[in-house]
N, C-alpha and C. Protein backbone atom coordinates (compact mmCIF):
# COMPACT_ATOMS: atom_id res chain seq x y z
N MET A 1 -47.22 -3.18 30.51
CA MET A 1 -46.86 -3.01 29.12
C MET A 1 -46.28 -1.62 28.84
N SER A 2 -46.80 -0.60 29.48
CA SER A 2 -46.30 0.75 29.24
C SER A 2 -44.88 0.91 29.79
N GLN A 3 -44.55 0.18 30.86
CA GLN A 3 -43.18 0.25 31.39
C GLN A 3 -42.19 -0.38 30.41
N PHE A 4 -42.64 -1.40 29.71
CA PHE A 4 -41.77 -2.04 28.72
C PHE A 4 -41.42 -1.05 27.60
N LEU A 5 -42.34 -0.19 27.23
CA LEU A 5 -42.07 0.79 26.18
C LEU A 5 -41.04 1.82 26.62
N TYR A 6 -40.93 2.07 27.92
CA TYR A 6 -39.92 3.00 28.42
C TYR A 6 -38.52 2.35 28.42
N VAL A 7 -38.48 1.06 28.64
CA VAL A 7 -37.20 0.34 28.71
C VAL A 7 -36.68 0.02 27.31
N LEU A 8 -37.58 -0.13 26.35
CA LEU A 8 -37.18 -0.52 25.00
C LEU A 8 -36.16 0.42 24.37
N PRO A 9 -36.31 1.75 24.39
CA PRO A 9 -35.27 2.62 23.81
C PRO A 9 -33.93 2.52 24.55
N ALA A 10 -33.97 2.27 25.85
CA ALA A 10 -32.73 2.14 26.62
C ALA A 10 -31.98 0.87 26.24
N LEU A 11 -32.69 -0.17 25.84
CA LEU A 11 -32.04 -1.43 25.44
C LEU A 11 -31.64 -1.42 23.97
N ALA A 12 -32.23 -0.56 23.19
CA ALA A 12 -31.94 -0.54 21.75
C ALA A 12 -30.48 -0.20 21.48
N CYS A 13 -29.91 0.72 22.23
CA CYS A 13 -28.52 1.13 21.99
C CYS A 13 -27.54 -0.01 22.29
N PRO A 14 -27.56 -0.64 23.47
CA PRO A 14 -26.59 -1.71 23.71
C PRO A 14 -26.79 -2.93 22.81
N VAL A 15 -28.04 -3.25 22.51
CA VAL A 15 -28.29 -4.40 21.64
C VAL A 15 -27.81 -4.09 20.23
N GLY A 16 -28.07 -2.89 19.75
CA GLY A 16 -27.60 -2.50 18.41
C GLY A 16 -26.08 -2.46 18.34
N MET A 17 -25.44 -1.98 19.39
CA MET A 17 -23.97 -1.93 19.42
C MET A 17 -23.39 -3.34 19.43
N GLY A 18 -23.99 -4.23 20.18
CA GLY A 18 -23.53 -5.63 20.20
C GLY A 18 -23.68 -6.28 18.84
N ALA A 19 -24.79 -6.00 18.16
CA ALA A 19 -25.00 -6.57 16.83
C ALA A 19 -23.97 -6.03 15.84
N MET A 20 -23.67 -4.74 15.91
CA MET A 20 -22.66 -4.17 15.00
C MET A 20 -21.29 -4.79 15.26
N MET A 21 -20.93 -4.98 16.52
CA MET A 21 -19.63 -5.59 16.83
C MET A 21 -19.57 -7.02 16.29
N TRP A 22 -20.66 -7.75 16.43
CA TRP A 22 -20.70 -9.13 15.96
C TRP A 22 -20.53 -9.18 14.45
N PHE A 23 -21.25 -8.30 13.72
CA PHE A 23 -21.13 -8.27 12.27
C PHE A 23 -19.73 -7.86 11.83
N MET A 24 -19.12 -6.94 12.53
CA MET A 24 -17.77 -6.51 12.17
C MET A 24 -16.76 -7.62 12.41
N MET A 25 -16.92 -8.38 13.48
CA MET A 25 -16.01 -9.49 13.74
C MET A 25 -16.16 -10.57 12.66
N ARG A 26 -17.37 -10.84 12.24
CA ARG A 26 -17.60 -11.85 11.20
C ARG A 26 -16.99 -11.42 9.87
N SER A 27 -17.12 -10.15 9.53
CA SER A 27 -16.57 -9.69 8.24
C SER A 27 -15.05 -9.69 8.27
N GLY A 28 -14.43 -9.54 9.43
CA GLY A 28 -12.98 -9.56 9.53
C GLY A 28 -12.38 -10.93 9.30
N ARG A 29 -13.13 -11.97 9.56
CA ARG A 29 -12.61 -13.33 9.37
C ARG A 29 -12.56 -13.73 7.91
N LYS A 30 -13.33 -13.10 7.06
CA LYS A 30 -13.37 -13.47 5.65
C LYS A 30 -12.09 -13.10 4.94
N ASN A 31 -11.37 -12.11 5.41
CA ASN A 31 -10.14 -11.65 4.78
C ASN A 31 -9.00 -12.57 5.22
N THR A 32 -8.66 -13.57 4.37
CA THR A 32 -7.64 -14.55 4.74
C THR A 32 -6.25 -14.14 4.28
N THR A 33 -6.15 -13.23 3.29
CA THR A 33 -4.83 -12.79 2.84
C THR A 33 -4.38 -11.61 3.70
N SER A 34 -3.10 -11.55 3.93
CA SER A 34 -2.59 -10.44 4.72
C SER A 34 -2.55 -9.18 3.87
N PRO A 35 -2.88 -8.03 4.44
CA PRO A 35 -2.87 -6.80 3.65
C PRO A 35 -1.47 -6.42 3.17
N ALA A 36 -0.44 -6.82 3.91
CA ALA A 36 0.92 -6.48 3.51
C ALA A 36 1.31 -7.20 2.22
N ALA A 37 0.75 -8.39 2.00
CA ALA A 37 1.11 -9.15 0.81
C ALA A 37 0.48 -8.56 -0.45
N THR A 38 -0.64 -7.89 -0.31
CA THR A 38 -1.33 -7.36 -1.49
C THR A 38 -1.18 -5.86 -1.64
N ASP A 39 -0.65 -5.18 -0.65
CA ASP A 39 -0.53 -3.73 -0.69
C ASP A 39 0.66 -3.34 -1.56
N PRO A 40 0.45 -2.58 -2.64
CA PRO A 40 1.57 -2.21 -3.52
C PRO A 40 2.59 -1.33 -2.81
N ARG A 41 2.16 -0.57 -1.80
CA ARG A 41 3.12 0.28 -1.07
C ARG A 41 4.09 -0.58 -0.28
N GLU A 42 3.58 -1.67 0.30
CA GLU A 42 4.46 -2.57 1.06
C GLU A 42 5.45 -3.27 0.12
N GLN A 43 5.00 -3.63 -1.07
CA GLN A 43 5.89 -4.27 -2.03
C GLN A 43 6.96 -3.29 -2.49
N GLY A 44 6.58 -2.04 -2.71
CA GLY A 44 7.56 -1.02 -3.10
C GLY A 44 8.56 -0.76 -2.00
N LEU A 45 8.06 -0.74 -0.75
CA LEU A 45 8.95 -0.52 0.39
C LEU A 45 9.95 -1.66 0.52
N ALA A 46 9.50 -2.88 0.32
CA ALA A 46 10.41 -4.04 0.39
C ALA A 46 11.46 -3.95 -0.71
N SER A 47 11.05 -3.51 -1.89
CA SER A 47 12.00 -3.36 -3.00
C SER A 47 13.05 -2.30 -2.68
N LEU A 48 12.62 -1.18 -2.11
CA LEU A 48 13.57 -0.12 -1.75
C LEU A 48 14.52 -0.57 -0.65
N ARG A 49 14.02 -1.31 0.31
CA ARG A 49 14.89 -1.81 1.39
C ARG A 49 15.95 -2.75 0.83
N LYS A 50 15.56 -3.61 -0.12
CA LYS A 50 16.53 -4.52 -0.73
C LYS A 50 17.58 -3.73 -1.50
N GLU A 51 17.15 -2.69 -2.21
CA GLU A 51 18.09 -1.87 -2.96
C GLU A 51 19.07 -1.16 -2.03
N ILE A 52 18.59 -0.67 -0.89
CA ILE A 52 19.47 -0.02 0.10
C ILE A 52 20.49 -1.02 0.63
N ASP A 53 20.04 -2.24 0.93
CA ASP A 53 20.96 -3.26 1.42
C ASP A 53 22.03 -3.58 0.38
N ASP A 54 21.62 -3.66 -0.89
CA ASP A 54 22.59 -3.93 -1.96
C ASP A 54 23.61 -2.80 -2.08
N LEU A 55 23.14 -1.57 -1.99
CA LEU A 55 24.06 -0.43 -2.08
C LEU A 55 25.01 -0.38 -0.89
N ARG A 56 24.52 -0.69 0.28
CA ARG A 56 25.39 -0.71 1.46
C ARG A 56 26.46 -1.78 1.33
N ALA A 57 26.09 -2.92 0.74
CA ALA A 57 27.07 -3.99 0.54
C ALA A 57 28.15 -3.56 -0.44
N GLN A 58 27.78 -2.75 -1.44
CA GLN A 58 28.76 -2.28 -2.41
C GLN A 58 29.68 -1.23 -1.80
N VAL A 59 29.17 -0.42 -0.90
CA VAL A 59 29.94 0.68 -0.32
C VAL A 59 30.76 0.22 0.88
N ALA A 60 30.44 -0.89 1.47
CA ALA A 60 31.12 -1.38 2.67
C ALA A 60 32.61 -1.53 2.40
N PRO A 61 33.44 -1.15 3.38
CA PRO A 61 34.89 -1.27 3.21
C PRO A 61 35.29 -2.72 2.96
N GLN A 62 36.16 -2.89 1.97
CA GLN A 62 36.63 -4.22 1.64
C GLN A 62 38.04 -4.40 2.21
N PRO A 63 38.36 -5.59 2.67
CA PRO A 63 39.69 -5.81 3.24
C PRO A 63 40.78 -5.63 2.17
N GLY A 64 41.87 -5.00 2.59
CA GLY A 64 43.00 -4.80 1.68
C GLY A 64 42.93 -3.50 0.90
N VAL A 65 41.84 -2.79 0.97
CA VAL A 65 41.70 -1.52 0.25
C VAL A 65 41.77 -0.41 1.29
N GLN A 66 42.67 0.56 1.03
CA GLN A 66 42.80 1.66 1.96
C GLN A 66 41.87 2.80 1.57
N HIS A 67 41.16 3.30 2.56
CA HIS A 67 40.25 4.41 2.34
C HIS A 67 40.78 5.60 3.12
N ARG A 68 40.70 6.77 2.54
CA ARG A 68 41.12 7.94 3.29
C ARG A 68 39.94 8.44 4.12
N GLU A 69 40.27 9.00 5.25
CA GLU A 69 39.23 9.46 6.17
C GLU A 69 38.73 10.82 5.73
N ARG A 70 37.45 11.01 5.92
CA ARG A 70 36.84 12.29 5.61
C ARG A 70 36.90 13.21 6.80
N THR A 71 37.23 14.46 6.56
CA THR A 71 37.21 15.45 7.63
C THR A 71 36.28 16.55 7.20
N GLN A 72 35.49 17.01 8.13
CA GLN A 72 34.53 18.07 7.78
C GLN A 72 34.81 19.31 8.55
C-alpha cells in the first residue's frame, strides 16, 4: 500500500493531462459555426477586398481608349 502512494503523484500528471485534453476536444465540437462567418473583422476584410476589386475593374484599361505612359 505504501508503494501505491509513491506511484499516485507520478500518475496524477498524465491522467490529469489526458482529462484536460478530452474536455478540450469535447468543447471544440460544440462550436458548429465557423469563426470567419461571425467575426466582424473577417466581414470587414471581405468588404474591403470587394471594394478593391471594383476599383481595379474601373481603372483597368478599356479597349479603344489610349492611355499615355507614365515615366518616373
